[in-house]
Amino acid sequence: MENLTEAFRALGDPTRLRILKLISAARLNVTEVVSLVGVAQSSVSHHLTRLRALDLIREERLGGFTYYSLSADEKAPLWPLIELARATTDGHGDQARLTELLRRREDVQTLNREAARARPVVAAVERRARDAVAPARRGRLRLRHRPADHRLARWAKQ
């Protein structure tokens, strides 16, 4: 009975329900949730902690970020409450912002894949440039520095 009371208390917060609805749609990190919901990062972290305590969401560390996703499935006792949260109307425009965020994320991933494909070409060009300068670095070629007006320098020595 205590678990049910805690679940209703946790899901009674409208912001927490918005966060749960967003996380049920896509795997998100705290920064993304903050930008979608529009509340302070500390508040979002608190809400995520409460949802994680109920085992509704799970966290996964990836590339320096912690991503949150829905951990409950259809067999979970709180699944009907999750379904109710997902079925609520979006009066804040969260779904449109989420769609835009996922589109931008895909664009960035596409750019990163293209940059990864271009890296071998860039590395080869850099290697050629380094190899062209290498003999001068090893001392095989002596590059002398001459004063701006070397004739004046010669005249001063005489």
Foldseek 3Di string as FASTA:
>chain_A
DVLVVLVCVLCVDPLLLVLLLLQAVDWAFLVLSCVLSVDDSVVSVVSVVSCVVNVQWDWDDDPNTIIIHGRDDPPDPCVVVSVVSNPDDDPPCSVVSSVVVVVVVVVVVVVVVVVVVCVVVVVVVVVVVCVVCVCVVVVVDDDDDAPPDNVVVVVVVD
